[in-house]
Amino acid sequence: MRKSGIICFAVLSVVASSLSAQTVDFGIRAGASYATLVQKVGTNYESGSKTGFSIAGIADIPLAFIYERFSFRPEIAFVNQGGSWYSGVDKDGMALFNKCWYNSLNIPLNIVFTYPFYDFRISLYAGPSLDFSLFGKMSSRQTDVDLNFGGTEEKDLKPFDLGVSTGFAVEYSRYFFSIHSNLGTLDRRATKREGESAVYQNNVALSLGYYFRR
């Protein structure tokens, strides 16, 4: 037990000293997003989409103690998303068509691999993503209601989603272009009648950004 504690302390010390010796870069990005709510209807997958936006603040933390081309890149993003889904068991017997939009606080926690190519820096990244729903509206049968995110017994969405974040970025000087996707893994329905299928939120954002590099 004591030996394990000493090893953990040594590893943490190396990590801390490595991070303190590296420059943490900060950046911002903004762009358009394409969101879909996906559900399985019978043997097929149906998706209803909407366009929105994504605005994020970024930190890029080098992980040179692992490998010089790796970094940890968390984001805090304000994302507009949503889509449409059906409230029935199958496509022919569906009782209701629902559409919604809502804003979320999305926090991707990405590990990044960056490779220099001439004057460019090309990055590939992936990691888990936390999504906290804030506010929005849903329409059904031409009636608009506020989303309460699990706070009512009516048709609603859950307030939290755990996603898988992946992306690609090309940086030139301090500017970059990125394609970022987030695939939700949790059923977003807050209430579900017997036989109704799960609904998952997906989102793809195309952004332009800038790093405040030293």
N, C-alpha and C. Protein backbone atom coordinates (compact mmCIF):
# COMPACT_ATOMS: atom_id res chain seq x y z
N MET A 1 0.83 -1.19 0.00
CA MET A 1 0.00 0.00 0.00
C MET A 1 0.86 1.24 0.00
N ARG A 2 1.89 1.23 0.87
CA ARG A 2 2.78 2.37 0.96
C ARG A 2 3.56 2.55 -0.34
N LYS A 3 3.98 1.42 -0.93
CA LYS A 3 4.72 1.48 -2.19
C LYS A 3 3.85 2.06 -3.30
N SER A 4 2.58 1.67 -3.36
CA SER A 4 1.66 2.19 -4.37
C SER A 4 1.47 3.69 -4.20
N GLY A 5 1.37 4.13 -2.93
CA GLY A 5 1.23 5.56 -2.66
C GLY A 5 2.43 6.35 -3.13
N ILE A 6 3.62 5.81 -2.93
CA ILE A 6 4.84 6.48 -3.36
C ILE A 6 4.89 6.58 -4.89
N ILE A 7 4.48 5.50 -5.57
CA ILE A 7 4.48 5.50 -7.03
C ILE A 7 3.49 6.52 -7.57
N CYS A 8 2.28 6.57 -6.98
CA CYS A 8 1.26 7.54 -7.42
C CYS A 8 1.75 8.97 -7.21
N PHE A 9 2.37 9.21 -6.06
CA PHE A 9 2.89 10.54 -5.76
C PHE A 9 3.97 10.94 -6.77
N ALA A 10 4.83 9.98 -7.11
CA ALA A 10 5.90 10.25 -8.07
C ALA A 10 5.34 10.57 -9.45
N VAL A 11 4.31 9.79 -9.88
CA VAL A 11 3.70 10.04 -11.18
C VAL A 11 3.04 11.41 -11.22
N LEU A 12 2.29 11.76 -10.16
CA LEU A 12 1.64 13.06 -10.09
C LEU A 12 2.65 14.20 -10.09
N SER A 13 3.78 13.99 -9.42
CA SER A 13 4.82 15.01 -9.39
C SER A 13 5.40 15.25 -10.77
N VAL A 14 5.62 14.15 -11.51
CA VAL A 14 6.16 14.27 -12.87
C VAL A 14 5.16 15.01 -13.76
N VAL A 15 3.87 14.63 -13.65
CA VAL A 15 2.83 15.28 -14.45
C VAL A 15 2.76 16.76 -14.14
N ALA A 16 2.75 17.10 -12.84
CA ALA A 16 2.64 18.50 -12.43
C ALA A 16 3.82 19.32 -12.90
N SER A 17 5.03 18.77 -12.76
CA SER A 17 6.23 19.50 -13.17
C SER A 17 6.27 19.67 -14.69
N SER A 18 5.79 18.64 -15.41
CA SER A 18 5.76 18.73 -16.86
C SER A 18 4.78 19.80 -17.33
N LEU A 19 3.59 19.85 -16.72
CA LEU A 19 2.60 20.84 -17.09
C LEU A 19 3.05 22.25 -16.77
N SER A 20 3.70 22.41 -15.61
CA SER A 20 4.15 23.73 -15.21
C SER A 20 5.25 24.25 -16.12
N ALA A 21 5.99 23.34 -16.74
CA ALA A 21 7.08 23.74 -17.63
C ALA A 21 6.60 24.03 -19.04
N GLN A 22 5.33 23.72 -19.35
CA GLN A 22 4.79 23.91 -20.68
C GLN A 22 3.92 25.16 -20.74
N THR A 23 3.73 25.66 -21.94
CA THR A 23 2.87 26.81 -22.18
C THR A 23 1.46 26.33 -22.48
N VAL A 24 0.49 26.82 -21.72
CA VAL A 24 -0.91 26.52 -21.99
C VAL A 24 -1.45 27.60 -22.91
N ASP A 25 -1.98 27.19 -24.07
CA ASP A 25 -2.53 28.13 -25.04
C ASP A 25 -4.05 28.16 -24.92
N PHE A 26 -4.61 29.35 -25.10
CA PHE A 26 -6.06 29.53 -25.06
C PHE A 26 -6.55 30.00 -26.42
N GLY A 27 -7.79 29.66 -26.73
CA GLY A 27 -8.34 30.06 -28.01
C GLY A 27 -9.84 30.16 -27.97
N ILE A 28 -10.41 30.58 -29.08
CA ILE A 28 -11.87 30.68 -29.24
C ILE A 28 -12.23 30.13 -30.62
N ARG A 29 -13.44 29.66 -30.76
CA ARG A 29 -13.94 29.23 -32.07
C ARG A 29 -15.43 29.52 -32.14
N ALA A 30 -15.94 29.70 -33.35
CA ALA A 30 -17.37 29.92 -33.57
C ALA A 30 -17.73 29.44 -34.96
N GLY A 31 -18.96 28.93 -35.10
CA GLY A 31 -19.36 28.46 -36.42
C GLY A 31 -20.77 27.90 -36.42
N ALA A 32 -21.13 27.28 -37.53
CA ALA A 32 -22.45 26.70 -37.71
C ALA A 32 -22.45 25.24 -37.30
N SER A 33 -23.60 24.77 -36.85
CA SER A 33 -23.72 23.36 -36.45
C SER A 33 -24.92 22.73 -37.15
N TYR A 34 -24.86 21.42 -37.29
CA TYR A 34 -25.94 20.63 -37.88
C TYR A 34 -26.29 19.54 -36.88
N ALA A 35 -27.45 19.65 -36.27
CA ALA A 35 -27.85 18.75 -35.19
C ALA A 35 -28.95 17.80 -35.67
N THR A 36 -28.92 16.58 -35.17
CA THR A 36 -29.96 15.59 -35.49
C THR A 36 -30.36 14.83 -34.23
N LEU A 37 -31.65 14.54 -34.14
CA LEU A 37 -32.16 13.60 -33.14
C LEU A 37 -32.44 12.30 -33.87
N VAL A 38 -31.82 11.22 -33.42
CA VAL A 38 -31.87 9.94 -34.12
C VAL A 38 -32.64 8.92 -33.28
N GLN A 39 -33.54 8.17 -33.93
CA GLN A 39 -34.26 7.10 -33.24
C GLN A 39 -34.42 5.93 -34.18
N LYS A 40 -34.61 4.74 -33.61
CA LYS A 40 -34.84 3.54 -34.41
C LYS A 40 -36.33 3.31 -34.52
N VAL A 41 -36.82 3.30 -35.75
CA VAL A 41 -38.25 3.09 -36.02
C VAL A 41 -38.38 1.79 -36.81
N GLY A 42 -38.90 0.75 -36.17
CA GLY A 42 -38.95 -0.56 -36.80
C GLY A 42 -37.53 -1.09 -36.98
N THR A 43 -37.15 -1.33 -38.22
CA THR A 43 -35.79 -1.80 -38.49
C THR A 43 -34.89 -0.70 -39.05
N ASN A 44 -35.45 0.51 -39.16
CA ASN A 44 -34.70 1.62 -39.74
C ASN A 44 -34.39 2.69 -38.70
N TYR A 45 -33.35 3.47 -38.97
CA TYR A 45 -33.03 4.61 -38.14
C TYR A 45 -33.53 5.88 -38.83
N GLU A 46 -34.32 6.66 -38.11
CA GLU A 46 -34.85 7.91 -38.62
C GLU A 46 -34.16 9.07 -37.91
N SER A 47 -33.96 10.17 -38.63
CA SER A 47 -33.32 11.33 -38.02
C SER A 47 -34.01 12.60 -38.47
N GLY A 48 -34.20 13.52 -37.54
CA GLY A 48 -34.75 14.83 -37.83
C GLY A 48 -33.72 15.88 -37.46
N SER A 49 -33.44 16.80 -38.35
CA SER A 49 -32.30 17.70 -38.16
C SER A 49 -32.70 19.16 -38.05
N LYS A 50 -31.77 19.98 -37.62
CA LYS A 50 -31.90 21.43 -37.62
C LYS A 50 -30.50 22.04 -37.67
N THR A 51 -30.42 23.25 -38.16
CA THR A 51 -29.15 23.98 -38.15
C THR A 51 -29.10 24.89 -36.93
N GLY A 52 -27.90 25.12 -36.44
CA GLY A 52 -27.72 25.97 -35.26
C GLY A 52 -26.35 26.60 -35.27
N PHE A 53 -25.80 26.81 -34.09
CA PHE A 53 -24.49 27.44 -33.97
C PHE A 53 -23.74 26.86 -32.78
N SER A 54 -22.44 27.10 -32.76
CA SER A 54 -21.58 26.64 -31.67
C SER A 54 -20.50 27.69 -31.42
N ILE A 55 -20.35 28.11 -30.17
CA ILE A 55 -19.33 29.09 -29.76
C ILE A 55 -18.58 28.50 -28.58
N ALA A 56 -17.24 28.52 -28.63
CA ALA A 56 -16.49 27.82 -27.58
C ALA A 56 -15.21 28.55 -27.21
N GLY A 57 -14.82 28.38 -25.95
CA GLY A 57 -13.51 28.75 -25.46
C GLY A 57 -12.68 27.48 -25.30
N ILE A 58 -11.39 27.56 -25.63
CA ILE A 58 -10.53 26.37 -25.69
C ILE A 58 -9.26 26.59 -24.88
N ALA A 59 -8.78 25.53 -24.25
CA ALA A 59 -7.45 25.51 -23.64
C ALA A 59 -6.68 24.34 -24.23
N ASP A 60 -5.44 24.57 -24.62
CA ASP A 60 -4.60 23.51 -25.17
C ASP A 60 -3.41 23.31 -24.24
N ILE A 61 -3.39 22.14 -23.58
CA ILE A 61 -2.39 21.85 -22.54
C ILE A 61 -1.45 20.77 -23.04
N PRO A 62 -0.17 21.07 -23.26
CA PRO A 62 0.76 20.05 -23.77
C PRO A 62 0.90 18.87 -22.82
N LEU A 63 1.05 17.69 -23.39
CA LEU A 63 1.29 16.46 -22.62
C LEU A 63 2.64 15.89 -23.03
N ALA A 64 3.67 16.72 -22.93
CA ALA A 64 5.01 16.33 -23.38
C ALA A 64 5.56 15.15 -22.59
N PHE A 65 5.07 14.94 -21.35
CA PHE A 65 5.56 13.81 -20.56
C PHE A 65 5.09 12.48 -21.15
N ILE A 66 4.05 12.52 -22.02
CA ILE A 66 3.61 11.32 -22.75
C ILE A 66 4.30 11.27 -24.11
N TYR A 67 4.10 12.33 -24.90
CA TYR A 67 4.73 12.46 -26.22
C TYR A 67 4.54 13.90 -26.66
N GLU A 68 5.53 14.47 -27.31
CA GLU A 68 5.52 15.90 -27.60
C GLU A 68 4.39 16.34 -28.53
N ARG A 69 3.82 15.43 -29.30
CA ARG A 69 2.74 15.80 -30.21
C ARG A 69 1.35 15.67 -29.59
N PHE A 70 1.26 15.21 -28.34
CA PHE A 70 -0.02 15.06 -27.66
C PHE A 70 -0.31 16.28 -26.79
N SER A 71 -1.61 16.60 -26.68
CA SER A 71 -2.05 17.64 -25.76
C SER A 71 -3.45 17.31 -25.27
N PHE A 72 -3.83 17.94 -24.18
CA PHE A 72 -5.18 17.83 -23.62
C PHE A 72 -5.91 19.12 -23.95
N ARG A 73 -7.04 19.01 -24.63
CA ARG A 73 -7.73 20.20 -25.13
C ARG A 73 -9.19 20.22 -24.69
N PRO A 74 -9.47 20.71 -23.49
CA PRO A 74 -10.87 20.86 -23.05
C PRO A 74 -11.49 22.11 -23.66
N GLU A 75 -12.81 22.08 -23.82
CA GLU A 75 -13.55 23.22 -24.33
C GLU A 75 -14.76 23.48 -23.44
N ILE A 76 -15.23 24.71 -23.45
CA ILE A 76 -16.54 25.05 -22.89
C ILE A 76 -17.31 25.71 -24.02
N ALA A 77 -18.33 25.03 -24.52
CA ALA A 77 -19.05 25.49 -25.71
C ALA A 77 -20.51 25.76 -25.41
N PHE A 78 -21.03 26.84 -26.00
CA PHE A 78 -22.46 27.14 -25.97
C PHE A 78 -23.02 26.69 -27.31
N VAL A 79 -23.90 25.68 -27.29
CA VAL A 79 -24.33 25.00 -28.52
C VAL A 79 -25.84 25.08 -28.66
N ASN A 80 -26.28 25.44 -29.87
CA ASN A 80 -27.69 25.41 -30.21
C ASN A 80 -27.95 24.13 -31.00
N GLN A 81 -28.86 23.27 -30.49
CA GLN A 81 -29.09 21.99 -31.14
C GLN A 81 -30.55 21.58 -30.99
N GLY A 82 -30.85 20.32 -31.31
CA GLY A 82 -32.23 19.84 -31.27
C GLY A 82 -32.50 18.96 -32.46
N GLY A 83 -33.73 19.06 -33.02
CA GLY A 83 -34.11 18.23 -34.15
C GLY A 83 -35.57 17.83 -34.03
N SER A 84 -35.93 16.67 -34.58
CA SER A 84 -37.31 16.19 -34.52
C SER A 84 -37.34 14.69 -34.32
N TRP A 85 -38.45 14.20 -33.75
CA TRP A 85 -38.61 12.77 -33.52
C TRP A 85 -40.10 12.43 -33.45
N TYR A 86 -40.40 11.12 -33.53
CA TYR A 86 -41.77 10.65 -33.50
C TYR A 86 -42.09 10.03 -32.14
N SER A 87 -43.38 10.11 -31.79
CA SER A 87 -43.82 9.59 -30.49
C SER A 87 -44.52 8.25 -30.59
N GLY A 88 -44.41 7.55 -31.70
CA GLY A 88 -45.10 6.28 -31.85
C GLY A 88 -44.15 5.10 -31.92
N VAL A 89 -44.73 3.92 -32.10
CA VAL A 89 -43.95 2.69 -32.16
C VAL A 89 -43.36 2.47 -33.54
N ASP A 90 -44.16 2.67 -34.57
CA ASP A 90 -43.66 2.50 -35.93
C ASP A 90 -44.11 3.66 -36.80
N LYS A 91 -43.54 3.73 -37.98
CA LYS A 91 -43.77 4.91 -38.82
C LYS A 91 -45.23 5.06 -39.23
N ASP A 92 -45.93 3.95 -39.50
CA ASP A 92 -47.32 4.04 -39.93
C ASP A 92 -48.26 4.37 -38.77
N GLY A 93 -47.89 3.94 -37.57
CA GLY A 93 -48.78 4.16 -36.44
C GLY A 93 -48.34 5.28 -35.51
N MET A 94 -47.47 6.16 -35.98
CA MET A 94 -46.97 7.22 -35.13
C MET A 94 -48.08 8.20 -34.76
N ALA A 95 -48.14 8.54 -33.48
CA ALA A 95 -49.19 9.40 -32.98
C ALA A 95 -48.84 10.87 -33.08
N LEU A 96 -47.56 11.21 -33.05
CA LEU A 96 -47.20 12.61 -32.94
C LEU A 96 -45.80 12.86 -33.49
N PHE A 97 -45.64 13.99 -34.14
CA PHE A 97 -44.35 14.43 -34.65
C PHE A 97 -43.90 15.63 -33.82
N ASN A 98 -42.72 15.52 -33.22
CA ASN A 98 -42.22 16.55 -32.32
C ASN A 98 -40.98 17.22 -32.92
N LYS A 99 -40.89 18.52 -32.74
CA LYS A 99 -39.70 19.27 -33.12
C LYS A 99 -39.24 20.08 -31.92
N CYS A 100 -37.93 20.27 -31.81
CA CYS A 100 -37.45 21.06 -30.68
C CYS A 100 -36.15 21.76 -31.04
N TRP A 101 -35.85 22.83 -30.32
CA TRP A 101 -34.54 23.44 -30.31
C TRP A 101 -34.21 23.75 -28.85
N TYR A 102 -32.94 23.67 -28.52
CA TYR A 102 -32.52 24.03 -27.17
C TYR A 102 -31.04 24.37 -27.17
N ASN A 103 -30.63 25.09 -26.15
CA ASN A 103 -29.23 25.48 -25.98
C ASN A 103 -28.61 24.68 -24.86
N SER A 104 -27.35 24.30 -25.06
CA SER A 104 -26.64 23.48 -24.09
C SER A 104 -25.27 24.06 -23.78
N LEU A 105 -24.78 23.70 -22.61
CA LEU A 105 -23.38 23.92 -22.26
C LEU A 105 -22.67 22.60 -22.48
N ASN A 106 -21.80 22.56 -23.49
CA ASN A 106 -21.13 21.33 -23.89
C ASN A 106 -19.66 21.41 -23.52
N ILE A 107 -19.15 20.36 -22.85
CA ILE A 107 -17.77 20.36 -22.37
C ILE A 107 -17.04 19.12 -22.92
N PRO A 108 -16.41 19.22 -24.10
CA PRO A 108 -15.59 18.12 -24.61
C PRO A 108 -14.25 18.08 -23.88
N LEU A 109 -13.75 16.89 -23.60
CA LEU A 109 -12.47 16.69 -22.93
C LEU A 109 -11.60 15.84 -23.85
N ASN A 110 -10.94 16.50 -24.80
CA ASN A 110 -10.28 15.79 -25.89
C ASN A 110 -8.78 15.59 -25.68
N ILE A 111 -8.30 14.44 -26.10
CA ILE A 111 -6.86 14.20 -26.25
C ILE A 111 -6.53 14.41 -27.73
N VAL A 112 -5.49 15.22 -27.99
CA VAL A 112 -5.20 15.69 -29.34
C VAL A 112 -3.83 15.21 -29.79
N PHE A 113 -3.77 14.79 -31.05
CA PHE A 113 -2.49 14.49 -31.71
C PHE A 113 -2.30 15.53 -32.80
N THR A 114 -1.19 16.28 -32.75
CA THR A 114 -0.92 17.35 -33.72
C THR A 114 0.35 17.04 -34.50
N TYR A 115 0.24 17.23 -35.82
CA TYR A 115 1.37 16.94 -36.69
C TYR A 115 1.64 18.16 -37.57
N PRO A 116 2.87 18.70 -37.57
CA PRO A 116 3.19 19.84 -38.43
C PRO A 116 3.36 19.40 -39.88
N PHE A 117 2.80 20.18 -40.79
CA PHE A 117 2.90 19.88 -42.22
C PHE A 117 3.17 21.19 -42.95
N TYR A 118 4.43 21.39 -43.33
CA TYR A 118 4.87 22.67 -43.90
C TYR A 118 4.53 23.79 -42.90
N ASP A 119 3.73 24.78 -43.33
CA ASP A 119 3.40 25.89 -42.44
C ASP A 119 2.12 25.63 -41.64
N PHE A 120 1.57 24.44 -41.76
CA PHE A 120 0.30 24.12 -41.11
C PHE A 120 0.52 23.18 -39.93
N ARG A 121 -0.47 23.13 -39.05
CA ARG A 121 -0.53 22.15 -37.96
C ARG A 121 -1.85 21.41 -38.10
N ILE A 122 -1.78 20.09 -38.25
CA ILE A 122 -2.98 19.28 -38.43
C ILE A 122 -3.23 18.49 -37.14
N SER A 123 -4.44 18.60 -36.62
CA SER A 123 -4.79 17.97 -35.34
C SER A 123 -5.95 16.99 -35.51
N LEU A 124 -5.81 15.84 -34.88
CA LEU A 124 -6.89 14.87 -34.74
C LEU A 124 -7.17 14.70 -33.26
N TYR A 125 -8.44 14.66 -32.87
CA TYR A 125 -8.72 14.56 -31.44
C TYR A 125 -9.99 13.77 -31.16
N ALA A 126 -10.05 13.26 -29.93
CA ALA A 126 -11.21 12.48 -29.49
C ALA A 126 -11.25 12.46 -27.97
N GLY A 127 -12.44 12.22 -27.43
CA GLY A 127 -12.58 12.15 -25.98
C GLY A 127 -14.04 12.15 -25.56
N PRO A 128 -14.31 12.05 -24.27
CA PRO A 128 -15.69 12.14 -23.79
C PRO A 128 -16.19 13.57 -23.81
N SER A 129 -17.50 13.72 -23.76
CA SER A 129 -18.10 15.05 -23.79
C SER A 129 -19.30 15.09 -22.84
N LEU A 130 -19.38 16.14 -22.04
CA LEU A 130 -20.48 16.33 -21.11
C LEU A 130 -21.40 17.42 -21.65
N ASP A 131 -22.69 17.17 -21.67
CA ASP A 131 -23.64 18.12 -22.23
C ASP A 131 -24.74 18.42 -21.20
N PHE A 132 -24.86 19.70 -20.82
CA PHE A 132 -25.85 20.14 -19.84
C PHE A 132 -26.86 21.05 -20.55
N SER A 133 -28.12 20.59 -20.66
CA SER A 133 -29.15 21.35 -21.35
C SER A 133 -29.57 22.55 -20.51
N LEU A 134 -29.79 23.71 -21.17
CA LEU A 134 -30.10 24.94 -20.46
C LEU A 134 -31.56 25.36 -20.65
N PHE A 135 -31.96 25.69 -21.87
CA PHE A 135 -33.33 26.12 -22.12
C PHE A 135 -33.66 25.91 -23.59
N GLY A 136 -34.96 25.81 -23.89
CA GLY A 136 -35.38 25.61 -25.27
C GLY A 136 -36.87 25.43 -25.38
N LYS A 137 -37.35 25.11 -26.59
CA LYS A 137 -38.77 24.94 -26.83
C LYS A 137 -39.02 23.69 -27.67
N MET A 138 -40.23 23.13 -27.51
CA MET A 138 -40.65 21.98 -28.29
C MET A 138 -42.02 22.27 -28.89
N SER A 139 -42.25 21.85 -30.11
CA SER A 139 -43.55 22.02 -30.75
C SER A 139 -44.13 20.66 -31.14
N SER A 140 -45.42 20.48 -30.82
CA SER A 140 -46.16 19.27 -31.18
C SER A 140 -47.58 19.70 -31.51
N ARG A 141 -48.07 19.28 -32.69
CA ARG A 141 -49.41 19.67 -33.13
C ARG A 141 -49.58 21.19 -33.09
N GLN A 142 -48.57 21.89 -33.58
CA GLN A 142 -48.57 23.34 -33.71
C GLN A 142 -48.67 24.06 -32.36
N THR A 143 -48.29 23.39 -31.30
CA THR A 143 -48.28 23.99 -29.97
C THR A 143 -46.85 24.07 -29.47
N ASP A 144 -46.41 25.28 -29.11
CA ASP A 144 -45.06 25.48 -28.60
C ASP A 144 -45.08 25.50 -27.07
N VAL A 145 -44.19 24.72 -26.46
CA VAL A 145 -44.06 24.71 -25.01
C VAL A 145 -42.59 24.79 -24.65
N ASP A 146 -42.31 25.32 -23.46
CA ASP A 146 -40.94 25.37 -22.98
C ASP A 146 -40.48 23.98 -22.57
N LEU A 147 -39.25 23.64 -22.89
CA LEU A 147 -38.67 22.40 -22.41
C LEU A 147 -38.26 22.58 -20.95
N ASN A 148 -38.64 21.62 -20.11
CA ASN A 148 -38.30 21.66 -18.69
C ASN A 148 -37.19 20.68 -18.32
N PHE A 149 -36.75 19.88 -19.30
CA PHE A 149 -35.64 18.95 -19.13
C PHE A 149 -35.81 18.04 -17.91
N GLY A 150 -36.85 17.21 -18.00
CA GLY A 150 -37.10 16.21 -16.97
C GLY A 150 -37.94 16.70 -15.82
N GLY A 151 -38.39 17.96 -15.87
CA GLY A 151 -39.12 18.53 -14.73
C GLY A 151 -40.61 18.33 -14.78
N THR A 152 -41.15 17.75 -15.86
CA THR A 152 -42.59 17.55 -15.96
C THR A 152 -42.88 16.13 -16.42
N GLU A 153 -44.16 15.78 -16.41
CA GLU A 153 -44.60 14.48 -16.88
C GLU A 153 -44.93 14.52 -18.37
N GLU A 154 -44.89 15.70 -18.99
CA GLU A 154 -45.18 15.82 -20.41
C GLU A 154 -43.98 15.36 -21.23
N LYS A 155 -44.16 15.37 -22.56
CA LYS A 155 -43.04 15.03 -23.45
C LYS A 155 -41.93 16.05 -23.22
N ASP A 156 -40.75 15.55 -22.98
CA ASP A 156 -39.67 16.41 -22.53
C ASP A 156 -38.34 15.72 -22.83
N LEU A 157 -37.25 16.43 -22.60
CA LEU A 157 -35.91 15.86 -22.76
C LEU A 157 -35.19 15.83 -21.43
N LYS A 158 -34.25 14.92 -21.29
CA LYS A 158 -33.44 14.85 -20.08
C LYS A 158 -32.44 16.01 -20.05
N PRO A 159 -31.99 16.41 -18.85
CA PRO A 159 -31.12 17.58 -18.75
C PRO A 159 -29.64 17.30 -19.02
N PHE A 160 -29.25 16.03 -19.18
CA PHE A 160 -27.82 15.72 -19.31
C PHE A 160 -27.60 14.64 -20.36
N ASP A 161 -26.49 14.77 -21.08
CA ASP A 161 -26.10 13.75 -22.05
C ASP A 161 -24.60 13.51 -21.95
N LEU A 162 -24.20 12.28 -22.12
CA LEU A 162 -22.78 11.91 -22.19
C LEU A 162 -22.48 11.54 -23.63
N GLY A 163 -21.53 12.26 -24.24
CA GLY A 163 -21.26 12.05 -25.65
C GLY A 163 -19.84 11.58 -25.92
N VAL A 164 -19.61 11.25 -27.18
CA VAL A 164 -18.28 10.91 -27.69
C VAL A 164 -17.88 12.02 -28.65
N SER A 165 -16.80 12.72 -28.33
CA SER A 165 -16.34 13.85 -29.12
C SER A 165 -15.20 13.42 -30.03
N THR A 166 -15.29 13.79 -31.32
CA THR A 166 -14.19 13.56 -32.26
C THR A 166 -14.05 14.80 -33.13
N GLY A 167 -12.85 15.00 -33.69
CA GLY A 167 -12.68 16.19 -34.51
C GLY A 167 -11.40 16.21 -35.29
N PHE A 168 -11.33 17.22 -36.15
CA PHE A 168 -10.20 17.43 -37.06
C PHE A 168 -10.01 18.93 -37.19
N ALA A 169 -8.77 19.40 -37.11
CA ALA A 169 -8.50 20.83 -37.22
C ALA A 169 -7.25 21.08 -38.03
N VAL A 170 -7.26 22.17 -38.79
CA VAL A 170 -6.09 22.62 -39.55
C VAL A 170 -5.77 24.04 -39.10
N GLU A 171 -4.55 24.24 -38.62
CA GLU A 171 -4.15 25.53 -38.07
C GLU A 171 -3.06 26.15 -38.94
N TYR A 172 -3.21 27.44 -39.21
CA TYR A 172 -2.19 28.20 -39.93
C TYR A 172 -1.94 29.48 -39.13
N SER A 173 -0.67 29.69 -38.74
CA SER A 173 -0.33 30.78 -37.84
C SER A 173 -1.15 30.59 -36.57
N ARG A 174 -1.97 31.55 -36.20
CA ARG A 174 -2.81 31.39 -35.01
C ARG A 174 -4.26 31.09 -35.35
N TYR A 175 -4.59 30.97 -36.61
CA TYR A 175 -5.95 30.74 -37.05
C TYR A 175 -6.17 29.25 -37.37
N PHE A 176 -7.39 28.79 -37.20
CA PHE A 176 -7.66 27.39 -37.52
C PHE A 176 -9.09 27.19 -37.99
N PHE A 177 -9.27 26.11 -38.73
CA PHE A 177 -10.59 25.63 -39.15
C PHE A 177 -10.78 24.24 -38.56
N SER A 178 -11.95 23.97 -38.01
CA SER A 178 -12.18 22.67 -37.38
C SER A 178 -13.54 22.09 -37.76
N ILE A 179 -13.58 20.77 -37.80
CA ILE A 179 -14.82 20.01 -37.93
C ILE A 179 -14.95 19.17 -36.67
N HIS A 180 -16.00 19.42 -35.90
CA HIS A 180 -16.14 18.79 -34.58
C HIS A 180 -17.48 18.06 -34.52
N SER A 181 -17.47 16.80 -34.11
CA SER A 181 -18.71 16.05 -33.96
C SER A 181 -18.88 15.57 -32.53
N ASN A 182 -20.13 15.49 -32.12
CA ASN A 182 -20.45 14.97 -30.80
C ASN A 182 -21.61 13.98 -30.94
N LEU A 183 -21.39 12.73 -30.56
CA LEU A 183 -22.40 11.69 -30.66
C LEU A 183 -22.92 11.34 -29.27
N GLY A 184 -24.19 11.61 -29.03
CA GLY A 184 -24.77 11.32 -27.73
C GLY A 184 -24.95 9.84 -27.50
N THR A 185 -24.76 9.40 -26.26
CA THR A 185 -24.87 7.97 -25.94
C THR A 185 -26.06 7.66 -25.03
N LEU A 186 -26.74 8.69 -24.52
CA LEU A 186 -27.86 8.48 -23.59
C LEU A 186 -29.18 8.82 -24.27
N ASP A 187 -30.23 8.05 -23.95
CA ASP A 187 -31.57 8.34 -24.44
C ASP A 187 -32.01 9.70 -23.89
N ARG A 188 -32.40 10.63 -24.78
CA ARG A 188 -32.78 11.97 -24.33
C ARG A 188 -34.23 12.07 -23.85
N ARG A 189 -35.06 11.05 -24.10
CA ARG A 189 -36.45 11.13 -23.65
C ARG A 189 -36.53 11.16 -22.13
N ALA A 190 -37.23 12.14 -21.60
CA ALA A 190 -37.45 12.18 -20.15
C ALA A 190 -38.57 11.24 -19.75
N THR A 191 -39.59 11.12 -20.59
CA THR A 191 -40.68 10.17 -20.36
C THR A 191 -40.87 9.37 -21.64
N LYS A 192 -41.19 8.08 -21.49
CA LYS A 192 -41.33 7.22 -22.66
C LYS A 192 -42.42 6.20 -22.40
N ARG A 193 -43.39 6.17 -23.32
CA ARG A 193 -44.46 5.19 -23.21
C ARG A 193 -43.97 3.84 -23.70
N GLU A 194 -44.71 2.81 -23.35
CA GLU A 194 -44.32 1.45 -23.74
C GLU A 194 -44.24 1.34 -25.27
N GLY A 195 -43.14 0.79 -25.75
CA GLY A 195 -42.97 0.58 -27.17
C GLY A 195 -42.29 1.71 -27.90
N GLU A 196 -42.16 2.89 -27.27
CA GLU A 196 -41.49 4.00 -27.93
C GLU A 196 -39.98 3.81 -27.91
N SER A 197 -39.33 4.26 -28.97
CA SER A 197 -37.90 4.04 -29.11
C SER A 197 -37.09 5.16 -28.47
N ALA A 198 -35.83 4.86 -28.19
CA ALA A 198 -34.91 5.85 -27.63
C ALA A 198 -34.56 6.91 -28.67
N VAL A 199 -34.20 8.10 -28.19
CA VAL A 199 -33.83 9.22 -29.06
C VAL A 199 -32.45 9.71 -28.63
N TYR A 200 -31.54 9.84 -29.60
CA TYR A 200 -30.16 10.26 -29.30
C TYR A 200 -29.83 11.55 -30.05
N GLN A 201 -29.09 12.43 -29.36
CA GLN A 201 -28.70 13.70 -29.96
C GLN A 201 -27.30 13.63 -30.56
N ASN A 202 -27.18 14.00 -31.83
CA ASN A 202 -25.89 14.11 -32.50
C ASN A 202 -25.71 15.54 -32.99
N ASN A 203 -24.45 15.97 -33.12
CA ASN A 203 -24.18 17.34 -33.53
C ASN A 203 -22.84 17.41 -34.26
N VAL A 204 -22.80 18.13 -35.38
CA VAL A 204 -21.56 18.38 -36.11
C VAL A 204 -21.41 19.88 -36.28
N ALA A 205 -20.24 20.43 -35.94
CA ALA A 205 -20.00 21.87 -36.03
C ALA A 205 -18.81 22.16 -36.93
N LEU A 206 -18.95 23.14 -37.81
CA LEU A 206 -17.86 23.65 -38.63
C LEU A 206 -17.52 25.03 -38.12
N SER A 207 -16.27 25.22 -37.69
CA SER A 207 -15.91 26.45 -36.98
C SER A 207 -14.62 27.07 -37.51
N LEU A 208 -14.51 28.38 -37.35
CA LEU A 208 -13.28 29.12 -37.52
C LEU A 208 -12.83 29.59 -36.15
N GLY A 209 -11.51 29.55 -35.90
CA GLY A 209 -11.04 29.90 -34.56
C GLY A 209 -9.70 30.60 -34.57
N TYR A 210 -9.30 31.01 -33.37
CA TYR A 210 -8.05 31.75 -33.19
C TYR A 210 -7.43 31.36 -31.85
N TYR A 211 -6.09 31.11 -31.85
CA TYR A 211 -5.36 30.81 -30.63
C TYR A 211 -4.56 32.03 -30.18
N PHE A 212 -4.63 32.32 -28.90
CA PHE A 212 -3.84 33.40 -28.31
C PHE A 212 -2.49 32.83 -27.88
N ARG A 213 -1.73 32.38 -28.84
CA ARG A 213 -0.45 31.75 -28.54
C ARG A 213 0.60 32.78 -28.17
N ARG A 214 1.49 32.40 -27.22
CA ARG A 214 2.56 33.31 -26.80
C ARG A 214 3.72 33.28 -27.78
